């Protein structure tokens, strides 16, 4: 790697505000806020709105859309072939 052109790659804590979940990793992102981690060291912390700990897809709380009802509503409104005048 060429010296002097790459950002610093240091330990950072990412904290999920919605799920109360935090993890320590390395990143080029940084922050002015800090947090004391489980190992006793202080690291910069970046608060994120959503992560795999709180996202509905990963937690199994995703909503299922009623697509059959939508298709029936469309066919009722526009007819079986989808044209407005063909009833």
PDB file of N, CA and C in Angstrom:
ATOM      1  N   UNK A   1       0.837  -1.180   0.000  1.00  0.00           N
ATOM      2  CA  UNK A   1       0.000   0.000   0.000  1.00  0.00           C
ATOM      3  C   UNK A   1       0.879   1.240   0.000  1.00  0.00           C
ATOM      4  N   UNK A   2       0.414   2.219  -0.701  1.00  0.00           N
ATOM      5  CA  UNK A   2       1.128   3.483  -0.749  1.00  0.00           C
ATOM      6  C   UNK A   2       0.936   4.241   0.566  1.00  0.00           C
ATOM      7  N   UNK A   3       2.006   4.715   1.186  1.00  0.00           N
ATOM      8  CA  UNK A   3       1.853   5.421   2.463  1.00  0.00           C
ATOM      9  C   UNK A   3       1.244   6.807   2.284  1.00  0.00           C
ATOM     10  N   UNK A   4       0.408   7.189   3.266  1.00  0.00           N
ATOM     11  CA  UNK A   4      -0.108   8.548   3.294  1.00  0.00           C
ATOM     12  C   UNK A   4      -1.382   8.796   2.501  1.00  0.00           C
ATOM     13  N   UNK A   5      -1.916   7.809   1.772  1.00  0.00           N
ATOM     14  CA  UNK A   5      -3.117   8.064   0.977  1.00  0.00           C
ATOM     15  C   UNK A   5      -4.346   7.321   1.503  1.00  0.00           C
ATOM     16  N   UNK A   6      -4.158   6.419   2.441  1.00  0.00           N
ATOM     17  CA  UNK A   6      -5.271   5.625   2.952  1.00  0.00           C
ATOM     18  C   UNK A   6      -5.732   6.153   4.308  1.00  0.00           C
ATOM     19  N   UNK A   7      -7.046   6.124   4.564  1.00  0.00           N
ATOM     20  CA  UNK A   7      -7.526   6.556   5.889  1.00  0.00           C
ATOM     21  C   UNK A   7      -7.126   5.543   6.954  1.00  0.00           C
ATOM     22  N   UNK A   8      -7.089   5.989   8.190  1.00  0.00           N
ATOM     23  CA  UNK A   8      -6.711   5.084   9.279  1.00  0.00           C
ATOM     24  C   UNK A   8      -7.815   4.050   9.502  1.00  0.00           C
ATOM     25  N   UNK A   9      -7.411   2.837   9.795  1.00  0.00           N
ATOM     26  CA  UNK A   9      -8.314   1.696   9.963  1.00  0.00           C
ATOM     27  C   UNK A   9      -8.171   1.227  11.399  1.00  0.00           C
ATOM     28  N   UNK A  10      -9.098   1.679  12.254  1.00  0.00           N
ATOM     29  CA  UNK A  10      -8.945   1.448  13.679  1.00  0.00           C
ATOM     30  C   UNK A  10     -10.215   0.853  14.287  1.00  0.00           C
ATOM     31  N   UNK A  11     -10.133   0.316  15.513  1.00  0.00           N
ATOM     32  CA  UNK A  11     -11.316  -0.243  16.167  1.00  0.00           C
ATOM     33  C   UNK A  11     -12.383   0.822  16.433  1.00  0.00           C
ATOM     34  N   UNK A  12     -13.642   0.461  16.157  1.00  0.00           N
ATOM     35  CA  UNK A  12     -14.788   1.349  16.355  1.00  0.00           C
ATOM     36  C   UNK A  12     -15.947   0.502  16.865  1.00  0.00           C
ATOM     37  N   UNK A  13     -16.763   1.067  17.750  1.00  0.00           N
ATOM     38  CA  UNK A  13     -17.965   0.388  18.232  1.00  0.00           C
ATOM     39  C   UNK A  13     -19.158   0.930  17.458  1.00  0.00           C
ATOM     40  N   UNK A  14     -19.935   0.018  16.857  1.00  0.00           N
ATOM     41  CA  UNK A  14     -21.188   0.385  16.214  1.00  0.00           C
ATOM     42  C   UNK A  14     -22.305  -0.020  17.157  1.00  0.00           C
ATOM     43  N   UNK A  15     -23.190   0.935  17.481  1.00  0.00           N
ATOM     44  CA  UNK A  15     -24.254   0.696  18.455  1.00  0.00           C
ATOM     45  C   UNK A  15     -25.605   0.907  17.777  1.00  0.00           C
ATOM     46  N   UNK A  16     -26.456  -0.105  17.844  1.00  0.00           N
ATOM     47  CA  UNK A  16     -27.810  -0.049  17.292  1.00  0.00           C
ATOM     48  C   UNK A  16     -28.713   0.616  18.323  1.00  0.00           C
ATOM     49  N   UNK A  17     -29.244   1.789  17.992  1.00  0.00           N
ATOM     50  CA  UNK A  17     -30.071   2.524  18.938  1.00  0.00           C
ATOM     51  C   UNK A  17     -31.413   1.847  19.173  1.00  0.00           C
ATOM     52  N   UNK A  18     -31.951   1.160  18.180  1.00  0.00           N
ATOM     53  CA  UNK A  18     -33.270   0.535  18.313  1.00  0.00           C
ATOM     54  C   UNK A  18     -33.199  -0.792  19.066  1.00  0.00           C
ATOM     55  N   UNK A  19     -32.138  -1.553  18.860  1.00  0.00           N
ATOM     56  CA  UNK A  19     -32.081  -2.886  19.434  1.00  0.00           C
ATOM     57  C   UNK A  19     -31.240  -3.021  20.683  1.00  0.00           C
ATOM     58  N   UNK A  20     -30.518  -1.977  21.057  1.00  0.00           N
ATOM     59  CA  UNK A  20     -29.659  -2.077  22.228  1.00  0.00           C
ATOM     60  C   UNK A  20     -28.505  -3.040  22.030  1.00  0.00           C
ATOM     61  N   UNK A  21     -28.034  -3.164  20.814  1.00  0.00           N
ATOM     62  CA  UNK A  21     -26.984  -4.101  20.441  1.00  0.00           C
ATOM     63  C   UNK A  21     -25.770  -3.304  20.000  1.00  0.00           C
ATOM     64  N   UNK A  22     -24.584  -3.740  20.391  1.00  0.00           N
ATOM     65  CA  UNK A  22     -23.355  -3.059  19.988  1.00  0.00           C
ATOM     66  C   UNK A  22     -22.303  -4.103  19.655  1.00  0.00           C
ATOM     67  N   UNK A  23     -21.442  -3.763  18.706  1.00  0.00           N
ATOM     68  CA  UNK A  23     -20.348  -4.669  18.373  1.00  0.00           C
ATOM     69  C   UNK A  23     -19.103  -3.866  18.028  1.00  0.00           C
ATOM     70  N   UNK A  24     -17.981  -4.448  18.334  1.00  0.00           N
ATOM     71  CA  UNK A  24     -16.674  -3.831  18.102  1.00  0.00           C
ATOM     72  C   UNK A  24     -16.092  -4.415  16.830  1.00  0.00           C
ATOM     73  N   UNK A  25     -15.671  -3.543  15.935  1.00  0.00           N
ATOM     74  CA  UNK A  25     -15.054  -3.963  14.682  1.00  0.00           C
ATOM     75  C   UNK A  25     -14.035  -2.915  14.281  1.00  0.00           C
ATOM     76  N   UNK A  26     -13.401  -3.125  13.173  1.00  0.00           N
ATOM     77  CA  UNK A  26     -12.451  -2.138  12.656  1.00  0.00           C
ATOM     78  C   UNK A  26     -13.096  -1.433  11.478  1.00  0.00           C
ATOM     79  N   UNK A  27     -12.835  -0.132  11.368  1.00  0.00           N
ATOM     80  CA  UNK A  27     -13.454   0.654  10.313  1.00  0.00           C
ATOM     81  C   UNK A  27     -12.631   1.908  10.059  1.00  0.00           C
ATOM     82  N   UNK A  28     -12.870   2.509   8.907  1.00  0.00           N
ATOM     83  CA  UNK A  28     -12.261   3.808   8.611  1.00  0.00           C
ATOM     84  C   UNK A  28     -13.144   4.939   9.110  1.00  0.00           C
ATOM     85  N   UNK A  29     -14.401   4.630   9.496  1.00  0.00           N
ATOM     86  CA  UNK A  29     -15.305   5.641  10.052  1.00  0.00           C
ATOM     87  C   UNK A  29     -14.848   5.993  11.461  1.00  0.00           C
ATOM     88  N   UNK A  30     -15.109   7.225  11.861  1.00  0.00           N
ATOM     89  CA  UNK A  30     -14.722   7.658  13.195  1.00  0.00           C
ATOM     90  C   UNK A  30     -15.792   8.567  13.770  1.00  0.00           C
ATOM     91  N   UNK A  31     -15.687   8.859  15.042  1.00  0.00           N
ATOM     92  CA  UNK A  31     -16.677   9.686  15.719  1.00  0.00           C
ATOM     93  C   UNK A  31     -16.012  10.419  16.871  1.00  0.00           C
ATOM     94  N   UNK A  32     -16.630  11.530  17.283  1.00  0.00           N
ATOM     95  CA  UNK A  32     -16.137  12.278  18.435  1.00  0.00           C
ATOM     96  C   UNK A  32     -16.622  11.655  19.741  1.00  0.00           C
ATOM     97  N   UNK A  33     -17.764  10.914  19.682  1.00  0.00           N
ATOM     98  CA  UNK A  33     -18.294  10.257  20.872  1.00  0.00           C
ATOM     99  C   UNK A  33     -17.503   8.988  21.152  1.00  0.00           C
ATOM    100  N   UNK A  34     -17.333   8.682  22.434  1.00  0.00           N
ATOM    101  CA  UNK A  34     -16.601   7.475  22.817  1.00  0.00           C
ATOM    102  C   UNK A  34     -17.433   6.664  23.801  1.00  0.00           C
ATOM    103  N   UNK A  35     -17.068   5.388  23.941  1.00  0.00           N
ATOM    104  CA  UNK A  35     -17.720   4.500  24.874  1.00  0.00           C
ATOM    105  C   UNK A  35     -16.666   3.563  25.448  1.00  0.00           C
ATOM    106  N   UNK A  36     -16.851   3.190  26.711  1.00  0.00           N
ATOM    107  CA  UNK A  36     -15.943   2.218  27.308  1.00  0.00           C
ATOM    108  C   UNK A  36     -16.477   0.828  26.996  1.00  0.00           C
ATOM    109  N   UNK A  37     -15.647   0.017  26.381  1.00  0.00           N
ATOM    110  CA  UNK A  37     -16.049  -1.312  25.939  1.00  0.00           C
ATOM    111  C   UNK A  37     -15.799  -2.337  27.037  1.00  0.00           C
ATOM    112  N   UNK A  38     -16.242  -3.565  26.829  1.00  0.00           N
ATOM    113  CA  UNK A  38     -16.150  -4.644  27.818  1.00  0.00           C
ATOM    114  C   UNK A  38     -14.715  -4.952  28.239  1.00  0.00           C
ATOM    115  N   UNK A  39     -13.758  -4.687  27.354  1.00  0.00           N
ATOM    116  CA  UNK A  39     -12.361  -4.978  27.673  1.00  0.00           C
ATOM    117  C   UNK A  39     -11.693  -3.864  28.478  1.00  0.00           C
ATOM    118  N   UNK A  40     -12.451  -2.805  28.810  1.00  0.00           N
ATOM    119  CA  UNK A  40     -11.917  -1.711  29.610  1.00  0.00           C
ATOM    120  C   UNK A  40     -11.331  -0.578  28.791  1.00  0.00           C
ATOM    121  N   UNK A  41     -11.175  -0.756  27.482  1.00  0.00           N
ATOM    122  CA  UNK A  41     -10.640   0.296  26.622  1.00  0.00           C
ATOM    123  C   UNK A  41     -11.762   1.216  26.150  1.00  0.00           C
ATOM    124  N   UNK A  42     -11.390   2.430  25.763  1.00  0.00           N
ATOM    125  CA  UNK A  42     -12.340   3.407  25.245  1.00  0.00           C
ATOM    126  C   UNK A  42     -12.194   3.480  23.732  1.00  0.00           C
ATOM    127  N   UNK A  43     -13.331   3.367  23.031  1.00  0.00           N
ATOM    128  CA  UNK A  43     -13.345   3.378  21.561  1.00  0.00           C
ATOM    129  C   UNK A  43     -14.343   4.413  21.061  1.00  0.00           C
ATOM    130  N   UNK A  44     -14.123   4.925  19.850  1.00  0.00           N
ATOM    131  CA  UNK A  44     -15.150   5.786  19.248  1.00  0.00           C
ATOM    132  C   UNK A  44     -16.417   4.965  19.007  1.00  0.00           C
ATOM    133  N   UNK A  45     -17.586   5.589  19.170  1.00  0.00           N
ATOM    134  CA  UNK A  45     -18.854   4.888  18.974  1.00  0.00           C
ATOM    135  C   UNK A  45     -19.653   5.584  17.872  1.00  0.00           C
ATOM    136  N   UNK A  46     -20.230   4.786  16.992  1.00  0.00           N
ATOM    137  CA  UNK A  46     -21.085   5.290  15.918  1.00  0.00           C
ATOM    138  C   UNK A  46     -22.469   4.688  16.134  1.00  0.00           C
ATOM    139  N   UNK A  47     -23.470   5.553  16.345  1.00  0.00           N
ATOM    140  CA  UNK A  47     -24.842   5.101  16.541  1.00  0.00           C
ATOM    141  C   UNK A  47     -25.508   4.921  15.187  1.00  0.00           C
ATOM    142  N   UNK A  48     -26.116   3.758  14.992  1.00  0.00           N
ATOM    143  CA  UNK A  48     -26.836   3.469  13.757  1.00  0.00           C
ATOM    144  C   UNK A  48     -28.313   3.284  14.086  1.00  0.00           C
ATOM    145  N   UNK A  49     -29.179   3.601  13.149  1.00  0.00           N
ATOM    146  CA  UNK A  49     -30.617   3.507  13.361  1.00  0.00           C
ATOM    147  C   UNK A  49     -31.099   2.060  13.373  1.00  0.00           C
ATOM    148  N   UNK A  50     -30.483   1.226  12.544  1.00  0.00           N
ATOM    149  CA  UNK A  50     -30.965  -0.149  12.406  1.00  0.00           C
ATOM    150  C   UNK A  50     -29.794  -1.052  12.038  1.00  0.00           C
ATOM    151  N   UNK A  51     -29.831  -2.267  12.545  1.00  0.00           N
ATOM    152  CA  UNK A  51     -28.812  -3.256  12.216  1.00  0.00           C
ATOM    153  C   UNK A  51     -29.490  -4.611  12.112  1.00  0.00           C
ATOM    154  N   UNK A  52     -28.704  -5.652  11.971  1.00  0.00           N
ATOM    155  CA  UNK A  52     -29.293  -6.986  11.869  1.00  0.00           C
ATOM    156  C   UNK A  52     -29.987  -7.394  13.163  1.00  0.00           C
ATOM    157  N   UNK A  53     -29.678  -6.743  14.273  1.00  0.00           N
ATOM    158  CA  UNK A  53     -30.318  -7.074  15.545  1.00  0.00           C
ATOM    159  C   UNK A  53     -31.727  -6.502  15.657  1.00  0.00           C
ATOM    160  N   UNK A  54     -32.050  -5.472  14.856  1.00  0.00           N
ATOM    161  CA  UNK A  54     -33.371  -4.864  14.969  1.00  0.00           C
ATOM    162  C   UNK A  54     -34.136  -4.820  13.646  1.00  0.00           C
ATOM    163  N   UNK A  55     -33.529  -5.207  12.538  1.00  0.00           N
ATOM    164  CA  UNK A  55     -34.213  -5.165  11.249  1.00  0.00           C
ATOM    165  C   UNK A  55     -35.258  -6.283  11.177  1.00  0.00           C
ATOM    166  N   UNK A  56     -36.487  -5.963  10.751  1.00  0.00           N
ATOM    167  CA  UNK A  56     -37.553  -6.976  10.721  1.00  0.00           C
ATOM    168  C   UNK A  56     -37.224  -8.217   9.888  1.00  0.00           C
ATOM    169  N   UNK A  57     -36.447  -8.073   8.837  1.00  0.00           N
ATOM    170  CA  UNK A  57     -36.109  -9.238   8.015  1.00  0.00           C
ATOM    171  C   UNK A  57     -35.283 -10.244   8.807  1.00  0.00           C
ATOM    172  N   UNK A  58     -34.336  -9.761   9.584  1.00  0.00           N
ATOM    173  CA  UNK A  58     -33.456 -10.648  10.331  1.00  0.00           C
ATOM    174  C   UNK A  58     -34.071 -11.137  11.643  1.00  0.00           C
ATOM    175  N   UNK A  59     -35.005 -10.380  12.207  1.00  0.00           N
ATOM    176  CA  UNK A  59     -35.621 -10.778  13.469  1.00  0.00           C
ATOM    177  C   UNK A  59     -36.843 -11.662  13.267  1.00  0.00           C
ATOM    178  N   UNK A  60     -37.308 -11.806  12.020  1.00  0.00           N
ATOM    179  CA  UNK A  60     -38.470 -12.651  11.738  1.00  0.00           C
ATOM    180  C   UNK A  60     -39.790 -11.954  11.958  1.00  0.00           C
ATOM    181  N   UNK A  61     -39.790 -10.646  12.063  1.00  0.00           N
ATOM    182  CA  UNK A  61     -41.015  -9.900  12.289  1.00  0.00           C
ATOM    183  C   UNK A  61     -41.468  -9.157  11.037  1.00  0.00           C
ATOM    184  N   UNK A  62     -41.027  -9.612   9.875  1.00  0.00           N
ATOM    185  CA  UNK A  62     -41.401  -8.957   8.622  1.00  0.00           C
ATOM    186  C   UNK A  62     -42.884  -9.157   8.352  1.00  0.00           C
ATOM    187  N   UNK A  63     -43.525  -8.129   7.797  1.00  0.00           N
ATOM    188  CA  UNK A  63     -44.945  -8.217   7.469  1.00  0.00           C
ATOM    189  C   UNK A  63     -45.109  -8.892   6.117  1.00  0.00           C
ATOM    190  N   UNK A  64     -46.146  -9.687   5.991  1.00  0.00           N
ATOM    191  CA  UNK A  64     -46.469 -10.343   4.727  1.00  0.00           C
ATOM    192  C   UNK A  64     -47.615  -9.571   4.093  1.00  0.00           C
ATOM    193  N   UNK A  65     -47.427  -9.143   2.852  1.00  0.00           N
ATOM    194  CA  UNK A  65     -48.463  -8.385   2.156  1.00  0.00           C
ATOM    195  C   UNK A  65     -49.510  -9.323   1.577  1.00  0.00           C
ATOM    196  N   UNK A  66     -50.726  -8.855   1.532  1.00  0.00           N
ATOM    197  CA  UNK A  66     -51.833  -9.630   0.980  1.00  0.00           C
ATOM    198  C   UNK A  66     -51.870  -9.407  -0.530  1.00  0.00           C
ATOM    199  N   UNK A  67     -51.026 -10.129  -1.274  1.00  0.00           N
ATOM    200  CA  UNK A  67     -50.960  -9.932  -2.717  1.00  0.00           C
ATOM    201  C   UNK A  67     -52.170 -10.524  -3.428  1.00  0.00           C
ATOM    202  N   UNK A  68     -52.740 -11.586  -2.896  1.00  0.00           N
ATOM    203  CA  UNK A  68     -53.918 -12.183  -3.547  1.00  0.00           C
ATOM    204  C   UNK A  68     -55.076 -11.199  -3.524  1.00  0.00           C
ATOM    205  N   UNK A  69     -55.276 -10.517  -2.423  1.00  0.00           N
ATOM    206  CA  UNK A  69     -56.340  -9.517  -2.340  1.00  0.00           C
ATOM    207  C   UNK A  69     -56.122  -8.364  -3.286  1.00  0.00           C
ATOM    208  N   UNK A  70     -54.892  -7.990  -3.510  1.00  0.00           N
ATOM    209  CA  UNK A  70     -54.584  -6.904  -4.432  1.00  0.00           C
ATOM    210  C   UNK A  70     -54.870  -7.300  -5.870  1.00  0.00           C
ATOM    211  N   UNK A  71     -54.546  -8.540  -6.209  1.00  0.00           N
ATOM    212  CA  UNK A  71     -54.809  -9.015  -7.568  1.00  0.00           C
ATOM    213  C   UNK A  71     -56.317  -9.051  -7.822  1.00  0.00           C
ATOM    214  N   UNK A  72     -57.079  -9.569  -6.864  1.00  0.00           N
ATOM    215  CA  UNK A  72     -58.534  -9.628  -7.008  1.00  0.00           C
ATOM    216  C   UNK A  72     -59.129  -8.229  -7.109  1.00  0.00           C
ATOM    217  N   UNK A  73     -58.627  -7.293  -6.359  1.00  0.00           N
ATOM    218  CA  UNK A  73     -59.105  -5.914  -6.415  1.00  0.00           C
ATOM    219  C   UNK A  73     -58.804  -5.304  -7.782  1.00  0.00           C
ATOM    220  N   UNK A  74     -57.625  -5.593  -8.314  1.00  0.00           N
ATOM    221  CA  UNK A  74     -57.260  -5.093  -9.641  1.00  0.00           C
ATOM    222  C   UNK A  74     -58.182  -5.687 -10.702  1.00  0.00           C
ATOM    223  N   UNK A  75     -58.415  -6.997 -10.641  1.00  0.00           N
ATOM    224  CA  UNK A  75     -59.277  -7.645 -11.633  1.00  0.00           C
ATOM    225  C   UNK A  75     -60.713  -7.169 -11.517  1.00  0.00           C
ATOM    226  N   UNK A  76     -61.167  -6.894 -10.332  1.00  0.00           N
ATOM    227  CA  UNK A  76     -62.523  -6.384 -10.145  1.00  0.00           C
ATOM    228  C   UNK A  76     -62.660  -4.986 -10.749  1.00  0.00           C
ATOM    229  N   UNK A  77     -61.629  -4.183 -10.570  1.00  0.00           N
ATOM    230  CA  UNK A  77     -61.678  -2.808 -11.056  1.00  0.00           C
ATOM    231  C   UNK A  77     -61.475  -2.725 -12.574  1.00  0.00           C
ATOM    232  N   UNK A  78     -60.520  -3.468 -13.115  1.00  0.00           N
ATOM    233  CA  UNK A  78     -60.154  -3.318 -14.515  1.00  0.00           C
ATOM    234  C   UNK A  78     -60.539  -4.498 -15.386  1.00  0.00           C
ATOM    235  N   UNK A  79     -61.066  -5.540 -14.843  1.00  0.00           N
ATOM    236  CA  UNK A  79     -61.414  -6.713 -15.637  1.00  0.00           C
ATOM    237  C   UNK A  79     -60.263  -7.697 -15.668  1.00  0.00           C
ATOM    238  N   UNK A  80     -60.534  -8.871 -16.225  1.00  0.00           N
ATOM    239  CA  UNK A  80     -59.551  -9.947 -16.213  1.00  0.00           C
ATOM    240  C   UNK A  80     -58.322  -9.655 -17.063  1.00  0.00           C
ATOM    241  N   UNK A  81     -58.492  -8.896 -18.166  1.00  0.00           N
ATOM    242  CA  UNK A  81     -57.330  -8.651 -19.044  1.00  0.00           C
ATOM    243  C   UNK A  81     -56.585  -7.359 -18.705  1.00  0.00           C
ATOM    244  N   UNK A  82     -57.043  -6.600 -17.731  1.00  0.00           N
ATOM    245  CA  UNK A  82     -56.316  -5.420 -17.302  1.00  0.00           C
ATOM    246  C   UNK A  82     -56.677  -4.139 -18.018  1.00  0.00           C
ATOM    247  N   UNK A  83     -57.579  -4.209 -19.016  1.00  0.00           N
ATOM    248  CA  UNK A  83     -57.981  -2.986 -19.710  1.00  0.00           C
ATOM    249  C   UNK A  83     -59.264  -2.455 -19.070  1.00  0.00           C
ATOM    250  N   UNK A  84     -59.384  -1.149 -19.019  1.00  0.00           N
ATOM    251  CA  UNK A  84     -60.505  -0.521 -18.320  1.00  0.00           C
ATOM    252  C   UNK A  84     -61.838  -0.792 -19.015  1.00  0.00           C
ATOM    253  N   UNK A  85     -61.915  -0.798 -20.293  1.00  0.00           N
ATOM    254  CA  UNK A  85     -63.184  -0.935 -21.020  1.00  0.00           C
ATOM    255  C   UNK A  85     -63.634  -2.366 -21.220  1.00  0.00           C
ATOM    256  N   UNK A  86     -62.833  -3.359 -20.916  1.00  0.00           N
ATOM    257  CA  UNK A  86     -63.173  -4.750 -21.216  1.00  0.00           C
ATOM    258  C   UNK A  86     -63.780  -5.456 -20.009  1.00  0.00           C
ATOM    259  N   UNK A  87     -65.052  -5.232 -19.773  1.00  0.00           N
ATOM    260  CA  UNK A  87     -65.733  -5.896 -18.645  1.00  0.00           C
ATOM    261  C   UNK A  87     -66.701  -6.903 -19.101  1.00  0.00           C
TER     262      UNK A  87
END
